[in-house]
Amino acid sequence: MRKRVSRATVRWGALGAAALMLSFGVLPPVPVAEAQERYYQRRSILDFFFGRRYIDAYPPAPGRYAAPPATAPRKKKASPKVMAAPRPAAPPVVEEKTVEKLDNAQKILVVGDFFAGGLGVGMEAAFQNSPGIVIETHSNVASGLVRDDYYDWPSQLTKFMDEAKPAMVVVMLGANDRQQMVTDSGKEKFRTDGWYAEYQRRVVDFGKQVTSRKIPLLWVGLPAFDSPAMTADAVQMNQLYRKQLESIGGEFVDIWDGFVNENGEFIVTGSDVNGQQVRLRTSDGINLTDAGRRKLAFYVEKPARRILGTQASPDLVRLDSNAPAMDLSSNPIGRTEPISLSDPNLDGGGELLGGRALPASMAKSPRDLLVQDGEMAPPPAGRIDDYRLPPTKSAAEVSAK
């Protein structure tokens, strides 16, 4: 028959076992689910005698027995949809209208070295809206007037003029001529007196091939270079071109100021034909960019339009013979009695044309004087830029006051 154990004995036995486990550092296992749902409060000696107490009000101390409670992920609030603004439509591509050249359009023949090749490209852009002008370019990159054994420009120029029958010839040579020259008397080194004498003769003979045919000749000078030695040689050669061209009836086109700064130094970036800062020269300090070629042609365009006149105007239009005749039935033209050419009194005038001074409206305006002749009108008297000294008074006038 079993011996009945009282409740007090069981309780005191449980307390003793708990005390024994505490002394050896052994703790009773805690269910994982319970540990995740509740937090433990800091233990005391009373917890081992009267049971474990749970509390949900305080979080557990770091590193204790329970992990933080698992919380459901917070749902993000749906942000209101923002309609993106529509992208602006790309501007339509405007194609440049190509002007059809006239059947009787005059040709400008451009010849020379690699600079002339770029000049021809720029001239085509300059006269693309002029139906009466066609640009024809013949260039050889490494050619010049020194190495006639490599490329014989005098014979080639005659051939080109016979084929094209140009109204004007534009020449740009010399960038490759800074080298030894072979003459009839021997070899001449560059920069010697014999070299310059022979080179001058070749320039004159080459220019006379054009002017002897009564064809206008424009000789374009050399620009500055990144190399100081090349720049110094270009200055001296430009002086030779200017002097010899004037002696044979040609015209020298000076482009120097377009490719240097205000101090006369070489520049890579400068103003284009529209006044914008662009790159004019390539990294080698010699060749021209597209903007540089257009600027080079800008200097040649002005004397070319002046010489060719109306033929170079962009307002020149084709006269179409197939156009319908104008109907004049609704607006008849009144008849005028014929006037004898020998009787100027019939028109009320008594003088021939040019017999009296032109009216003030026919004289050149200050703008025309500045643009065409390079003359600036004097400032009004008394203005801040009027540097004229006032008239001095005589001693008698001063004493009279």
Protein backbone atom coordinates (compact mmCIF):
# COMPACT_ATOMS: atom_id res chain seq x y z
CA MET A 1 0.00 0.00 0.00
CA ARG A 2 1.46 3.34 -1.07
CA LYS A 3 2.34 5.93 1.41
CA ARG A 4 0.41 9.12 0.88
CA VAL A 5 2.56 12.31 0.52
CA SER A 6 1.15 15.56 1.71
CA ARG A 7 1.02 18.72 -0.40
CA ALA A 8 3.35 20.56 1.94
CA THR A 9 5.98 17.91 1.44
CA VAL A 10 5.72 18.25 -2.35
CA ARG A 11 5.94 22.01 -2.18
CA TRP A 12 8.97 21.97 0.11
CA GLY A 13 10.55 19.35 -2.12
CA ALA A 14 10.04 21.52 -5.22
CA LEU A 15 11.51 24.50 -3.43
CA GLY A 16 14.53 22.48 -2.44
CA ALA A 17 15.06 21.25 -6.00
CA ALA A 18 14.82 24.80 -7.28
CA ALA A 19 17.36 25.99 -4.76
CA LEU A 20 19.66 23.16 -5.78
CA MET A 21 19.35 24.04 -9.46
CA LEU A 22 20.04 27.72 -8.72
CA SER A 23 23.18 26.84 -6.84
CA PHE A 24 24.53 24.91 -9.85
CA GLY A 25 23.46 27.57 -12.40
CA VAL A 26 20.83 25.40 -14.01
CA LEU A 27 17.62 27.10 -15.09
CA PRO A 28 14.40 25.44 -16.12
CA PRO A 29 13.72 25.43 -19.89
CA VAL A 30 11.52 28.17 -21.25
CA PRO A 31 9.22 27.42 -24.19
CA VAL A 32 10.38 29.25 -27.33
CA ALA A 33 6.90 30.37 -28.31
CA GLU A 34 6.35 31.78 -24.83
CA ALA A 35 9.70 33.53 -24.93
CA GLN A 36 8.83 35.21 -28.23
CA GLU A 37 5.45 36.43 -27.01
CA ARG A 38 6.41 37.76 -23.55
CA TYR A 39 9.20 39.71 -22.02
CA TYR A 40 10.95 38.69 -18.81
CA GLN A 41 11.25 41.08 -15.92
CA ARG A 42 14.52 41.16 -13.97
CA ARG A 43 14.62 38.06 -11.74
CA SER A 44 14.79 38.13 -7.94
CA ILE A 45 15.13 35.46 -5.26
CA LEU A 46 11.40 35.48 -4.70
CA ASP A 47 10.79 34.25 -8.28
CA PHE A 48 12.34 30.91 -7.41
CA PHE A 49 10.10 30.41 -4.41
CA PHE A 50 6.79 31.86 -5.57
CA GLY A 51 6.93 31.26 -9.34
CA ARG A 52 7.98 33.18 -12.42
CA ARG A 53 6.30 36.46 -13.17
CA TYR A 54 5.75 37.75 -16.69
CA ILE A 55 5.17 41.34 -17.76
CA ASP A 56 4.56 42.82 -21.16
CA ALA A 57 5.12 46.45 -20.28
CA TYR A 58 8.94 46.56 -20.42
CA PRO A 59 11.35 45.36 -23.11
CA PRO A 60 14.02 42.79 -22.17
CA ALA A 61 17.51 43.81 -21.24
CA PRO A 62 20.05 43.34 -24.04
CA GLY A 63 21.48 39.83 -24.15
CA ARG A 64 18.86 38.20 -21.89
CA TYR A 65 16.92 35.05 -22.51
CA ALA A 66 14.13 36.19 -24.75
CA ALA A 67 14.21 37.59 -28.24
CA PRO A 68 12.26 40.72 -29.07
CA PRO A 69 8.68 40.08 -30.04
CA ALA A 70 8.01 39.40 -33.63
CA THR A 71 5.92 42.17 -35.06
CA ALA A 72 4.01 42.11 -38.26
CA PRO A 73 5.60 44.18 -41.02
CA ARG A 74 4.08 47.61 -41.25
CA LYS A 75 2.25 48.20 -44.46
CA LYS A 76 3.42 51.17 -46.40
CA LYS A 77 0.84 53.72 -47.18
CA ALA A 78 0.10 53.85 -50.83
CA SER A 79 1.43 57.12 -52.13
CA PRO A 80 -0.86 58.99 -54.46
CA LYS A 81 -0.02 58.47 -58.09
CA VAL A 82 1.61 61.48 -59.65
CA MET A 83 1.10 61.81 -63.34
CA ALA A 84 4.39 62.65 -65.03
CA ALA A 85 4.32 65.68 -67.23
CA PRO A 86 4.48 64.74 -70.88
CA ARG A 87 7.83 65.30 -72.53
CA PRO A 88 7.88 68.18 -74.94
CA ALA A 89 7.92 67.08 -78.50
CA ALA A 90 11.26 67.35 -80.25
CA PRO A 91 11.47 70.38 -82.53
CA PRO A 92 11.05 69.45 -86.15
CA VAL A 93 14.25 69.15 -88.12
CA VAL A 94 14.41 72.02 -90.56
CA GLU A 95 16.26 71.02 -93.65
CA GLU A 96 18.26 73.77 -95.29
CA LYS A 97 16.84 74.63 -98.63
CA THR A 98 19.34 73.94 -101.38
CA VAL A 99 19.47 76.76 -103.87
CA GLU A 100 19.55 75.54 -107.42
CA LYS A 101 22.44 77.03 -109.34
CA LEU A 102 21.77 78.86 -112.58
CA ASP A 103 22.83 77.42 -115.89
CA ASN A 104 25.00 80.47 -116.51
CA ALA A 105 26.43 80.57 -112.98
CA GLN A 106 29.99 81.87 -112.79
CA LYS A 107 32.76 79.74 -111.30
CA ILE A 108 35.24 80.66 -108.61
CA LEU A 109 38.31 78.45 -109.00
CA VAL A 110 40.12 77.71 -105.71
CA VAL A 111 43.61 76.18 -106.03
CA GLY A 112 46.45 75.43 -103.61
CA ASP A 113 47.58 73.15 -100.80
CA PHE A 114 45.68 71.68 -97.81
CA PHE A 115 44.62 75.16 -96.71
CA ALA A 116 43.04 75.72 -100.14
CA GLY A 117 41.09 72.47 -99.74
CA GLY A 118 39.58 73.75 -96.48
CA LEU A 119 39.01 77.17 -98.04
CA GLY A 120 37.01 75.56 -100.83
CA VAL A 121 34.73 73.87 -98.31
CA GLY A 122 34.17 77.17 -96.53
CA MET A 123 33.52 79.00 -99.80
CA GLU A 124 30.84 76.48 -100.75
CA ALA A 125 29.08 77.22 -97.46
CA ALA A 126 29.46 80.97 -97.98
CA PHE A 127 27.93 80.93 -101.47
CA GLN A 128 25.40 78.13 -101.02
CA ASN A 129 22.53 80.63 -101.24
CA SER A 130 23.94 82.43 -104.27
CA PRO A 131 22.49 80.79 -107.40
CA GLY A 132 24.87 82.69 -109.67
CA ILE A 133 28.13 81.35 -108.13
CA VAL A 134 29.66 77.88 -108.24
CA ILE A 135 32.81 76.93 -106.30
CA GLU A 136 35.31 74.57 -107.93
CA THR A 137 38.28 73.48 -105.81
CA HIS A 138 41.52 71.78 -106.88
CA SER A 139 43.98 71.18 -104.06
CA ASN A 140 46.97 68.99 -103.36
CA VAL A 141 47.74 68.50 -99.68
CA ALA A 142 51.57 68.52 -99.78
CA SER A 143 52.05 70.79 -102.80
CA GLY A 144 53.63 74.21 -103.15
CA LEU A 145 55.76 76.35 -105.40
CA VAL A 146 59.07 74.92 -104.16
CA ARG A 147 58.78 71.23 -105.09
CA ASP A 148 57.71 71.51 -108.71
CA ASP A 149 59.11 68.00 -109.23
CA TYR A 150 56.40 66.69 -106.87
CA TYR A 151 53.48 68.76 -108.21
CA ASP A 152 53.83 71.21 -111.07
CA TRP A 153 51.34 73.94 -110.20
CA PRO A 154 52.00 76.24 -113.22
CA SER A 155 51.02 73.55 -115.73
CA GLN A 156 48.12 72.33 -113.57
CA LEU A 157 46.72 75.85 -113.17
CA THR A 158 46.65 76.34 -116.93
CA LYS A 159 44.78 73.07 -117.32
CA PHE A 160 42.21 73.96 -114.63
CA MET A 161 41.52 77.41 -116.08
CA ASP A 162 41.06 76.01 -119.59
CA GLU A 163 38.50 73.51 -118.32
CA ALA A 164 36.58 75.66 -115.81
CA LYS A 165 36.79 79.09 -117.52
CA PRO A 166 36.46 80.75 -114.10
CA ALA A 167 35.27 84.26 -113.38
CA MET A 168 37.77 84.46 -110.49
CA VAL A 169 40.78 82.50 -109.22
CA VAL A 170 41.59 82.17 -105.51
CA VAL A 171 45.07 80.92 -104.57
CA MET A 172 46.30 79.75 -101.16
CA LEU A 173 49.83 78.32 -101.18
CA GLY A 174 53.00 78.51 -99.11
CA ALA A 175 52.43 76.42 -95.99
CA ASN A 176 54.60 73.60 -97.44
CA ASP A 177 57.25 75.87 -99.00
CA ARG A 178 59.50 76.20 -95.92
CA GLN A 179 62.15 73.88 -97.35
CA GLN A 180 65.15 73.69 -99.66
CA MET A 181 64.60 74.72 -103.27
CA VAL A 182 66.33 73.35 -106.34
CA THR A 183 67.07 76.07 -108.92
CA ASP A 184 68.92 76.17 -112.21
CA SER A 185 72.08 77.30 -110.41
CA GLY A 186 71.89 74.70 -107.63
CA LYS A 187 70.23 74.16 -104.28
CA GLU A 188 69.07 77.08 -102.16
CA LYS A 189 68.44 76.70 -98.45
CA PHE A 190 65.31 78.20 -96.93
CA ARG A 191 65.57 81.79 -95.66
CA THR A 192 68.61 82.64 -97.78
CA ASP A 193 68.64 85.61 -100.17
CA GLY A 194 68.85 83.29 -103.16
CA TRP A 195 65.85 81.33 -101.92
CA TYR A 196 63.68 84.43 -101.53
CA ALA A 197 64.74 85.79 -104.94
CA GLU A 198 63.75 82.57 -106.71
CA TYR A 199 60.54 82.19 -104.71
CA GLN A 200 59.53 85.75 -105.55
CA ARG A 201 60.01 85.02 -109.25
CA ARG A 202 57.82 81.90 -109.03
CA VAL A 203 55.03 83.76 -107.24
CA VAL A 204 55.00 86.46 -109.92
CA ASP A 205 54.99 83.96 -112.79
CA PHE A 206 52.22 81.95 -111.16
CA GLY A 207 50.05 85.03 -110.61
CA LYS A 208 50.60 86.32 -114.14
CA GLN A 209 49.06 83.14 -115.52
CA VAL A 210 45.76 84.42 -114.12
CA THR A 211 46.01 88.18 -114.56
CA SER A 212 47.26 87.83 -118.17
CA ARG A 213 43.82 86.36 -118.99
CA LYS A 214 42.07 89.35 -117.39
CA ILE A 215 40.73 87.11 -114.63
CA PRO A 216 40.50 88.61 -111.11
CA LEU A 217 43.06 87.01 -108.78
CA LEU A 218 42.79 86.75 -104.98
CA TRP A 219 45.85 85.43 -103.14
CA VAL A 220 45.04 84.42 -99.56
CA GLY A 221 47.78 84.92 -96.97
CA LEU A 222 48.95 82.40 -94.39
CA PRO A 223 47.56 82.33 -90.81
CA ALA A 224 49.58 82.21 -87.61
CA PHE A 225 50.81 78.82 -86.35
CA ASP A 226 51.41 77.30 -82.93
CA SER A 227 55.14 77.14 -83.72
CA PRO A 228 56.84 80.55 -83.26
CA ALA A 229 59.30 79.76 -86.07
CA MET A 230 56.49 78.93 -88.50
CA THR A 231 54.63 82.08 -87.47
CA ALA A 232 57.69 84.26 -88.12
CA ASP A 233 58.15 82.67 -91.56
CA ALA A 234 54.46 83.18 -92.36
CA VAL A 235 54.75 86.90 -91.61
CA GLN A 236 57.69 87.29 -93.99
CA MET A 237 56.05 85.25 -96.74
CA ASN A 238 52.80 87.24 -96.45
CA GLN A 239 54.78 90.44 -96.99
CA LEU A 240 56.26 88.90 -100.14
CA TYR A 241 52.81 87.85 -101.42
CA ARG A 242 51.30 91.28 -100.80
CA LYS A 243 54.08 93.17 -102.56
CA GLN A 244 54.26 90.92 -105.63
CA LEU A 245 50.48 90.61 -106.09
CA GLU A 246 50.04 94.34 -106.15
CA SER A 247 52.69 94.61 -108.87
CA ILE A 248 50.81 92.26 -111.24
CA GLY A 249 47.28 93.51 -110.61
CA GLY A 250 46.15 90.83 -108.14
CA GLU A 251 44.70 91.37 -104.66
CA PHE A 252 46.13 90.05 -101.40
CA VAL A 253 43.60 88.84 -98.79
CA ASP A 254 44.93 89.28 -95.26
CA ILE A 255 43.41 86.77 -92.81
CA TRP A 256 45.96 87.21 -90.01
CA ASP A 257 43.72 89.00 -87.51
CA GLY A 258 41.14 86.21 -87.64
CA PHE A 259 43.45 83.63 -86.04
CA VAL A 260 45.37 85.63 -83.43
CA ASN A 261 44.38 87.46 -80.26
CA GLU A 262 44.66 91.19 -79.59
CA ASN A 263 48.37 90.73 -78.84
CA GLY A 264 49.03 89.03 -82.18
CA GLU A 265 49.53 85.60 -80.59
CA PHE A 266 48.34 82.27 -81.97
CA ILE A 267 44.96 81.09 -80.67
CA VAL A 268 43.18 77.74 -80.82
CA THR A 269 39.75 79.06 -79.85
CA GLY A 270 38.25 82.29 -81.12
CA SER A 271 35.18 83.94 -82.59
CA ASP A 272 33.46 82.33 -85.54
CA VAL A 273 31.54 84.17 -88.26
CA ASN A 274 28.59 84.59 -85.84
CA GLY A 275 30.69 85.92 -82.95
CA GLN A 276 30.50 82.70 -80.91
CA GLN A 277 33.58 81.25 -79.21
CA VAL A 278 34.51 78.04 -81.03
CA ARG A 279 37.60 75.94 -81.73
CA LEU A 280 39.28 77.20 -84.90
CA ARG A 281 42.47 75.11 -85.04
CA THR A 282 43.18 71.43 -84.55
CA SER A 283 45.49 69.96 -81.91
CA ASP A 284 48.54 70.07 -84.22
CA GLY A 285 48.42 73.87 -84.29
CA ILE A 286 48.39 73.92 -88.10
CA ASN A 287 45.14 72.68 -89.63
CA LEU A 288 41.71 74.30 -89.36
CA THR A 289 38.47 72.96 -87.96
CA ASP A 290 35.17 73.29 -89.83
CA ALA A 291 34.50 76.57 -88.03
CA GLY A 292 38.02 77.74 -88.90
CA ARG A 293 37.47 76.93 -92.58
CA ARG A 294 34.23 78.90 -92.60
CA LYS A 295 35.97 81.85 -90.97
CA LEU A 296 38.78 81.63 -93.53
CA ALA A 297 36.20 81.81 -96.31
CA PHE A 298 34.57 84.79 -94.59
CA TYR A 299 37.62 86.93 -95.38
CA VAL A 300 37.62 85.82 -99.03
CA GLU A 301 33.86 86.16 -99.45
CA LYS A 302 33.80 89.94 -99.05
CA PRO A 303 36.26 90.86 -101.87
CA ALA A 304 34.78 88.12 -104.06
CA ARG A 305 31.27 89.58 -103.77
CA ARG A 306 32.62 93.08 -104.36
CA ILE A 307 34.38 92.04 -107.58
CA LEU A 308 31.63 89.80 -108.98
CA GLY A 309 28.85 92.22 -108.05
CA THR A 310 25.26 91.23 -108.79
CA GLN A 311 26.25 87.76 -109.98
CA ALA A 312 27.24 86.85 -106.40
CA SER A 313 24.05 88.20 -104.84
CA PRO A 314 21.74 85.69 -103.11
CA ASP A 315 18.76 87.67 -104.48
CA LEU A 316 19.54 86.64 -108.04
CA VAL A 317 16.68 84.47 -109.35
CA ARG A 318 16.07 82.38 -112.40
CA LEU A 319 13.93 83.88 -115.15
CA ASP A 320 11.65 81.04 -116.19
CA SER A 321 10.51 81.30 -119.81
CA ASN A 322 7.63 78.92 -119.13
CA ALA A 323 5.97 81.21 -116.58
CA PRO A 324 2.40 82.22 -117.51
CA ALA A 325 1.97 85.64 -119.01
CA MET A 326 0.37 88.34 -116.88
CA ASP A 327 -3.27 89.13 -117.68
CA LEU A 328 -3.52 92.88 -118.22
CA SER A 329 -7.12 92.98 -119.48
CA SER A 330 -8.53 94.00 -116.11
CA ASN A 331 -5.97 96.77 -115.60
CA PRO A 332 -5.11 98.36 -118.93
CA ILE A 333 -1.95 100.42 -119.19
CA GLY A 334 -2.41 104.06 -120.16
CA ARG A 335 -0.68 105.38 -123.25
CA THR A 336 2.03 108.04 -123.03
CA GLU A 337 3.00 110.34 -125.85
CA PRO A 338 6.54 109.78 -127.13
CA ILE A 339 9.21 112.25 -126.03
CA SER A 340 12.07 113.34 -128.23
CA LEU A 341 15.53 112.64 -126.84
CA SER A 342 16.76 115.96 -128.20
CA ASP A 343 14.22 118.01 -126.24
CA PRO A 344 14.85 117.68 -122.46
CA ASN A 345 12.50 120.61 -121.72
CA LEU A 346 9.47 118.38 -122.19
CA ASP A 347 10.09 116.75 -118.82
CA GLY A 348 10.50 120.08 -117.07
CA GLY A 349 14.25 119.82 -116.67
CA GLY A 350 16.86 122.12 -118.06
CA GLU A 351 20.05 120.26 -117.07
CA LEU A 352 21.62 116.98 -117.98
CA LEU A 353 22.10 114.19 -115.49
CA GLY A 354 25.01 115.04 -113.20
CA GLY A 355 24.79 118.75 -113.86
CA ARG A 356 24.02 119.55 -110.26
CA ALA A 357 25.12 118.18 -106.92
CA LEU A 358 23.42 115.07 -105.67
CA PRO A 359 20.81 115.58 -102.96
CA ALA A 360 21.79 114.78 -99.40
CA SER A 361 19.81 111.54 -99.48
CA MET A 362 22.01 110.17 -102.26
CA ALA A 363 25.25 110.65 -100.30
CA LYS A 364 26.75 107.81 -98.28
CA SER A 365 25.44 107.40 -94.77
CA PRO A 366 27.81 107.18 -91.77
CA ARG A 367 27.22 103.41 -91.77
CA ASP A 368 28.24 103.10 -95.44
CA LEU A 369 31.32 105.22 -94.82
CA LEU A 370 32.34 102.94 -91.95
CA VAL A 371 31.58 99.57 -93.61
CA GLN A 372 32.62 100.31 -97.18
CA ASP A 373 35.36 102.93 -96.83
CA GLY A 374 36.50 102.42 -93.26
CA GLU A 375 35.90 106.10 -92.41
CA MET A 376 34.26 107.09 -89.14
CA ALA A 377 32.13 110.22 -89.05
CA PRO A 378 33.34 112.87 -86.58
CA PRO A 379 31.38 112.98 -83.32
CA PRO A 380 29.00 115.86 -82.66
CA ALA A 381 30.61 118.87 -81.04
CA GLY A 382 30.51 118.73 -77.27
CA ARG A 383 30.01 114.96 -76.96
CA ILE A 384 32.28 113.08 -74.59
CA ASP A 385 34.24 111.47 -77.43
CA ASP A 386 34.78 114.82 -79.19
CA TYR A 387 38.47 115.47 -78.66
CA ARG A 388 38.67 118.56 -80.85
CA LEU A 389 40.06 121.59 -79.03
CA PRO A 390 37.75 124.59 -78.82
CA PRO A 391 38.79 127.58 -80.97
CA THR A 392 41.14 129.91 -79.16
CA LYS A 393 40.11 133.50 -78.69
CA SER A 394 42.37 136.39 -79.59
CA ALA A 395 43.78 138.72 -76.96
CA ALA A 396 41.57 141.59 -78.23
CA GLU A 397 38.41 139.49 -77.70
CA VAL A 398 39.50 138.55 -74.18
CA SER A 399 40.30 142.16 -73.21
CA ALA A 400 36.98 143.36 -74.64
CA LYS A 401 35.12 141.23 -72.13
